[in-house]
C-alpha cells in the first residue's frame, strides 16, 4: 500500500523544485529579453564596430537578435509564469487536501517540446542537459500527483 503522507511529501518536494526552477527560468527570460534589446540598440548605434568586435562576432550578435529569438524568449517566459502560478496553486491544494491540477505538468511537457524545437535551431549541450532535467522533473511530478489524486 502506498503511504499517502509519503506521496504527498514527494509531490510537494517535486513541486517546490518546479517552483524554484521556474523562478530562475523567469529571471533568465527577463534577462534574455533585456539583452536582446541592448544588443539590438548596440547594433544600430555601431557600438560593436567601435568596440573592436570582428565582423564574425558582430554577425553572431546579429543572429542572436532575430525576431525568432525574441519570440522564443517571450514564449518561454509566458509559459514559465503560467507554470509557476499553477505549481504554487498545486502546493496550496496539497495543503488543503484538494485534488491537484495536471495542467502545470502538461504545460511543462509543451515547454519541453518547444525546447526540442529550439535545439534543432541552435544546438547547445547545456540546453540538452536542461531538457533532460525538465523532462524528468515534469514527468515524475505528474506521475506522483496522479497517484496522489487516485489514492484520495
C-alpha atoms as a PDB file:
ATOM      1  CA  UNK A   1       0.000   0.000   0.000  1.00  0.00           C
ATOM      2  CA  UNK A   2       1.246   3.465  -0.882  1.00  0.00           C
ATOM      3  CA  UNK A   3       1.694   5.825   2.044  1.00  0.00           C
ATOM      4  CA  UNK A   4      -0.395   8.890   1.254  1.00  0.00           C
ATOM      5  CA  UNK A   5       1.737  11.073   3.513  1.00  0.00           C
ATOM      6  CA  UNK A   6       4.966   9.957   1.819  1.00  0.00           C
ATOM      7  CA  UNK A   7       3.422  10.507  -1.606  1.00  0.00           C
ATOM      8  CA  UNK A   8       2.182  13.946  -0.543  1.00  0.00           C
ATOM      9  CA  UNK A   9       5.670  14.909   0.658  1.00  0.00           C
ATOM     10  CA  UNK A  10       7.212  13.666  -2.600  1.00  0.00           C
ATOM     11  CA  UNK A  11       4.775  15.689  -4.712  1.00  0.00           C
ATOM     12  CA  UNK A  12       5.311  18.755  -2.524  1.00  0.00           C
ATOM     13  CA  UNK A  13       9.101  18.454  -2.843  1.00  0.00           C
ATOM     14  CA  UNK A  14       8.973  17.981  -6.608  1.00  0.00           C
ATOM     15  CA  UNK A  15       6.501  20.836  -6.960  1.00  0.00           C
ATOM     16  CA  UNK A  16       8.757  23.088  -4.898  1.00  0.00           C
ATOM     17  CA  UNK A  17      11.676  22.233  -7.186  1.00  0.00           C
ATOM     18  CA  UNK A  18       9.492  23.174 -10.169  1.00  0.00           C
ATOM     19  CA  UNK A  19       8.636  26.489  -8.489  1.00  0.00           C
ATOM     20  CA  UNK A  20      12.306  27.301  -7.836  1.00  0.00           C
ATOM     21  CA  UNK A  21      13.361  26.272 -11.351  1.00  0.00           C
ATOM     22  CA  UNK A  22      10.592  28.357 -12.890  1.00  0.00           C
ATOM     23  CA  UNK A  23      11.667  31.382 -10.832  1.00  0.00           C
ATOM     24  CA  UNK A  24      15.160  31.034 -12.322  1.00  0.00           C
ATOM     25  CA  UNK A  25      13.604  30.410 -15.720  1.00  0.00           C
ATOM     26  CA  UNK A  26      11.567  33.630 -15.482  1.00  0.00           C
ATOM     27  CA  UNK A  27      14.594  35.650 -14.355  1.00  0.00           C
ATOM     28  CA  UNK A  28      16.574  34.204 -17.258  1.00  0.00           C
ATOM     29  CA  UNK A  29      13.752  35.034 -19.674  1.00  0.00           C
ATOM     30  CA  UNK A  30      13.616  38.626 -18.467  1.00  0.00           C
ATOM     31  CA  UNK A  31      17.388  38.984 -18.747  1.00  0.00           C
ATOM     32  CA  UNK A  32      17.277  37.423 -22.206  1.00  0.00           C
ATOM     33  CA  UNK A  33      14.637  39.890 -23.412  1.00  0.00           C
ATOM     34  CA  UNK A  34      16.606  42.776 -21.881  1.00  0.00           C
ATOM     35  CA  UNK A  35      19.828  41.554 -23.523  1.00  0.00           C
ATOM     36  CA  UNK A  36      18.045  41.239 -26.846  1.00  0.00           C
ATOM     37  CA  UNK A  37      17.078  44.924 -26.796  1.00  0.00           C
ATOM     38  CA  UNK A  38      20.506  46.054 -25.570  1.00  0.00           C
ATOM     39  CA  UNK A  39      22.210  44.126 -28.384  1.00  0.00           C
ATOM     40  CA  UNK A  40      19.726  45.477 -30.928  1.00  0.00           C
ATOM     41  CA  UNK A  41      20.458  49.073 -29.826  1.00  0.00           C
ATOM     42  CA  UNK A  42      24.206  48.454 -29.890  1.00  0.00           C
ATOM     43  CA  UNK A  43      23.978  47.011 -33.415  1.00  0.00           C
ATOM     44  CA  UNK A  44      22.017  50.031 -34.649  1.00  0.00           C
ATOM     45  CA  UNK A  45      24.385  52.530 -32.988  1.00  0.00           C
ATOM     46  CA  UNK A  46      27.547  50.845 -34.273  1.00  0.00           C
ATOM     47  CA  UNK A  47      28.808  50.312 -30.730  1.00  0.00           C
ATOM     48  CA  UNK A  48      30.168  46.869 -31.565  1.00  0.00           C
ATOM     49  CA  UNK A  49      32.189  48.179 -34.511  1.00  0.00           C
ATOM     50  CA  UNK A  50      33.668  50.964 -32.394  1.00  0.00           C
ATOM     51  CA  UNK A  51      34.333  48.445 -29.627  1.00  0.00           C
ATOM     52  CA  UNK A  52      36.635  46.459 -31.879  1.00  0.00           C
ATOM     53  CA  UNK A  53      34.500  43.366 -32.486  1.00  0.00           C
ATOM     54  CA  UNK A  54      35.334  41.428 -35.615  1.00  0.00           C
ATOM     55  CA  UNK A  55      32.846  41.060 -38.455  1.00  0.00           C
ATOM     56  CA  UNK A  56      32.321  37.429 -37.434  1.00  0.00           C
ATOM     57  CA  UNK A  57      31.497  38.421 -33.847  1.00  0.00           C
ATOM     58  CA  UNK A  58      29.105  41.126 -34.999  1.00  0.00           C
ATOM     59  CA  UNK A  59      27.386  38.632 -37.281  1.00  0.00           C
ATOM     60  CA  UNK A  60      26.960  36.267 -34.325  1.00  0.00           C
ATOM     61  CA  UNK A  61      25.266  39.092 -32.400  1.00  0.00           C
ATOM     62  CA  UNK A  62      23.022  39.781 -35.425  1.00  0.00           C
ATOM     63  CA  UNK A  63      21.968  36.112 -35.487  1.00  0.00           C
ATOM     64  CA  UNK A  64      21.182  36.348 -31.768  1.00  0.00           C
ATOM     65  CA  UNK A  65      18.896  39.335 -32.313  1.00  0.00           C
ATOM     66  CA  UNK A  66      16.490  37.933 -34.872  1.00  0.00           C
ATOM     67  CA  UNK A  67      12.765  38.251 -34.181  1.00  0.00           C
ATOM     68  CA  UNK A  68      12.617  34.454 -33.677  1.00  0.00           C
ATOM     69  CA  UNK A  69      14.968  34.761 -30.699  1.00  0.00           C
ATOM     70  CA  UNK A  70      12.752  37.397 -29.065  1.00  0.00           C
ATOM     71  CA  UNK A  71       9.535  35.465 -29.753  1.00  0.00           C
ATOM     72  CA  UNK A  72      11.153  32.304 -28.427  1.00  0.00           C
ATOM     73  CA  UNK A  73      12.265  34.063 -25.234  1.00  0.00           C
ATOM     74  CA  UNK A  74       8.830  35.597 -24.682  1.00  0.00           C
ATOM     75  CA  UNK A  75       7.043  32.271 -25.236  1.00  0.00           C
ATOM     76  CA  UNK A  76       9.308  30.575 -22.688  1.00  0.00           C
ATOM     77  CA  UNK A  77       8.764  33.482 -20.298  1.00  0.00           C
ATOM     78  CA  UNK A  78       4.961  33.286 -20.553  1.00  0.00           C
ATOM     79  CA  UNK A  79       4.993  29.521 -20.082  1.00  0.00           C
ATOM     80  CA  UNK A  80       7.296  29.927 -17.086  1.00  0.00           C
ATOM     81  CA  UNK A  81       4.977  32.432 -15.410  1.00  0.00           C
ATOM     82  CA  UNK A  82       1.891  30.276 -16.000  1.00  0.00           C
ATOM     83  CA  UNK A  83       3.613  27.119 -14.747  1.00  0.00           C
ATOM     84  CA  UNK A  84       4.884  28.974 -11.676  1.00  0.00           C
ATOM     85  CA  UNK A  85       1.394  30.186 -10.762  1.00  0.00           C
ATOM     86  CA  UNK A  86      -0.148  26.745 -11.302  1.00  0.00           C
ATOM     87  CA  UNK A  87       2.583  24.989  -9.315  1.00  0.00           C
ATOM     88  CA  UNK A  88       2.007  27.385  -6.404  1.00  0.00           C
ATOM     89  CA  UNK A  89      -1.729  26.628  -6.618  1.00  0.00           C
ATOM     90  CA  UNK A  90      -0.938  22.911  -6.527  1.00  0.00           C
ATOM     91  CA  UNK A  91       1.132  23.358  -3.371  1.00  0.00           C
ATOM     92  CA  UNK A  92      -1.840  25.152  -1.837  1.00  0.00           C
ATOM     93  CA  UNK A  93      -4.142  22.318  -2.976  1.00  0.00           C
ATOM     94  CA  UNK A  94      -1.821  19.817  -1.299  1.00  0.00           C
ATOM     95  CA  UNK A  95      -2.026  21.785   1.927  1.00  0.00           C
ATOM     96  CA  UNK A  96      -5.842  21.892   1.738  1.00  0.00           C
ATOM     97  CA  UNK A  97      -6.088  18.181   0.745  1.00  0.00           C
ATOM     98  CA  UNK A  98      -7.678  19.005  -2.601  1.00  0.00           C
ATOM     99  CA  UNK A  99      -7.108  17.300  -5.937  1.00  0.00           C
ATOM    100  CA  UNK A 100      -4.091  18.512  -7.871  1.00  0.00           C
ATOM    101  CA  UNK A 101      -4.234  20.030 -11.317  1.00  0.00           C
ATOM    102  CA  UNK A 102      -2.223  18.281 -14.013  1.00  0.00           C
ATOM    103  CA  UNK A 103      -2.100  21.466 -16.109  1.00  0.00           C
ATOM    104  CA  UNK A 104       1.342  22.688 -14.937  1.00  0.00           C
ATOM    105  CA  UNK A 105       2.819  19.321 -15.887  1.00  0.00           C
ATOM    106  CA  UNK A 106       1.097  19.304 -19.286  1.00  0.00           C
ATOM    107  CA  UNK A 107       2.381  22.831 -19.900  1.00  0.00           C
ATOM    108  CA  UNK A 108       5.803  21.641 -18.781  1.00  0.00           C
ATOM    109  CA  UNK A 109       5.556  18.967 -21.478  1.00  0.00           C
ATOM    110  CA  UNK A 110       4.718  21.617 -24.064  1.00  0.00           C
ATOM    111  CA  UNK A 111       7.658  23.681 -22.810  1.00  0.00           C
ATOM    112  CA  UNK A 112       9.910  20.659 -23.280  1.00  0.00           C
ATOM    113  CA  UNK A 113       8.593  20.243 -26.844  1.00  0.00           C
ATOM    114  CA  UNK A 114       9.436  23.897 -27.501  1.00  0.00           C
ATOM    115  CA  UNK A 115      12.931  23.300 -26.126  1.00  0.00           C
ATOM    116  CA  UNK A 116      13.316  20.406 -28.566  1.00  0.00           C
ATOM    117  CA  UNK A 117      12.329  22.685 -31.465  1.00  0.00           C
ATOM    118  CA  UNK A 118      14.862  25.244 -30.216  1.00  0.00           C
ATOM    119  CA  UNK A 119      17.550  22.578 -30.085  1.00  0.00           C
ATOM    120  CA  UNK A 120      17.017  21.884 -33.772  1.00  0.00           C
ATOM    121  CA  UNK A 121      17.571  25.573 -34.494  1.00  0.00           C
ATOM    122  CA  UNK A 122      20.539  26.190 -32.179  1.00  0.00           C
ATOM    123  CA  UNK A 123      22.179  23.098 -30.675  1.00  0.00           C
ATOM    124  CA  UNK A 124      23.655  23.616 -27.242  1.00  0.00           C
ATOM    125  CA  UNK A 125      24.793  20.938 -24.780  1.00  0.00           C
ATOM    126  CA  UNK A 126      23.590  22.998 -21.795  1.00  0.00           C
ATOM    127  CA  UNK A 127      20.120  23.176 -23.335  1.00  0.00           C
ATOM    128  CA  UNK A 128      20.191  19.417 -23.818  1.00  0.00           C
ATOM    129  CA  UNK A 129      21.038  18.875 -20.144  1.00  0.00           C
ATOM    130  CA  UNK A 130      18.325  21.340 -19.074  1.00  0.00           C
ATOM    131  CA  UNK A 131      15.852  19.497 -21.296  1.00  0.00           C
ATOM    132  CA  UNK A 132      16.686  16.175 -19.640  1.00  0.00           C
ATOM    133  CA  UNK A 133      16.283  17.667 -16.151  1.00  0.00           C
ATOM    134  CA  UNK A 134      12.998  19.381 -17.009  1.00  0.00           C
ATOM    135  CA  UNK A 135      11.658  16.217 -18.641  1.00  0.00           C
ATOM    136  CA  UNK A 136      12.438  14.033 -15.639  1.00  0.00           C
ATOM    137  CA  UNK A 137      11.050  16.610 -13.229  1.00  0.00           C
ATOM    138  CA  UNK A 138       7.746  17.206 -15.012  1.00  0.00           C
ATOM    139  CA  UNK A 139       7.080  13.558 -15.822  1.00  0.00           C
ATOM    140  CA  UNK A 140       7.998  12.460 -12.306  1.00  0.00           C
ATOM    141  CA  UNK A 141       5.860  15.098 -10.631  1.00  0.00           C
ATOM    142  CA  UNK A 142       2.923  14.370 -12.935  1.00  0.00           C
ATOM    143  CA  UNK A 143       3.059  10.654 -12.144  1.00  0.00           C
ATOM    144  CA  UNK A 144       3.305  11.264  -8.396  1.00  0.00           C
ATOM    145  CA  UNK A 145       0.432  13.785  -8.483  1.00  0.00           C
ATOM    146  CA  UNK A 146      -1.691  11.308 -10.409  1.00  0.00           C
ATOM    147  CA  UNK A 147      -1.026   8.589  -7.803  1.00  0.00           C
ATOM    148  CA  UNK A 148      -1.897  11.012  -5.020  1.00  0.00           C
ATOM    149  CA  UNK A 149      -5.184  12.057  -6.658  1.00  0.00           C
ATOM    150  CA  UNK A 150      -6.165   8.425  -7.241  1.00  0.00           C
ATOM    151  CA  UNK A 151      -5.424   7.394  -3.653  1.00  0.00           C
ATOM    152  CA  UNK A 152      -7.518  10.153  -2.050  1.00  0.00           C
END
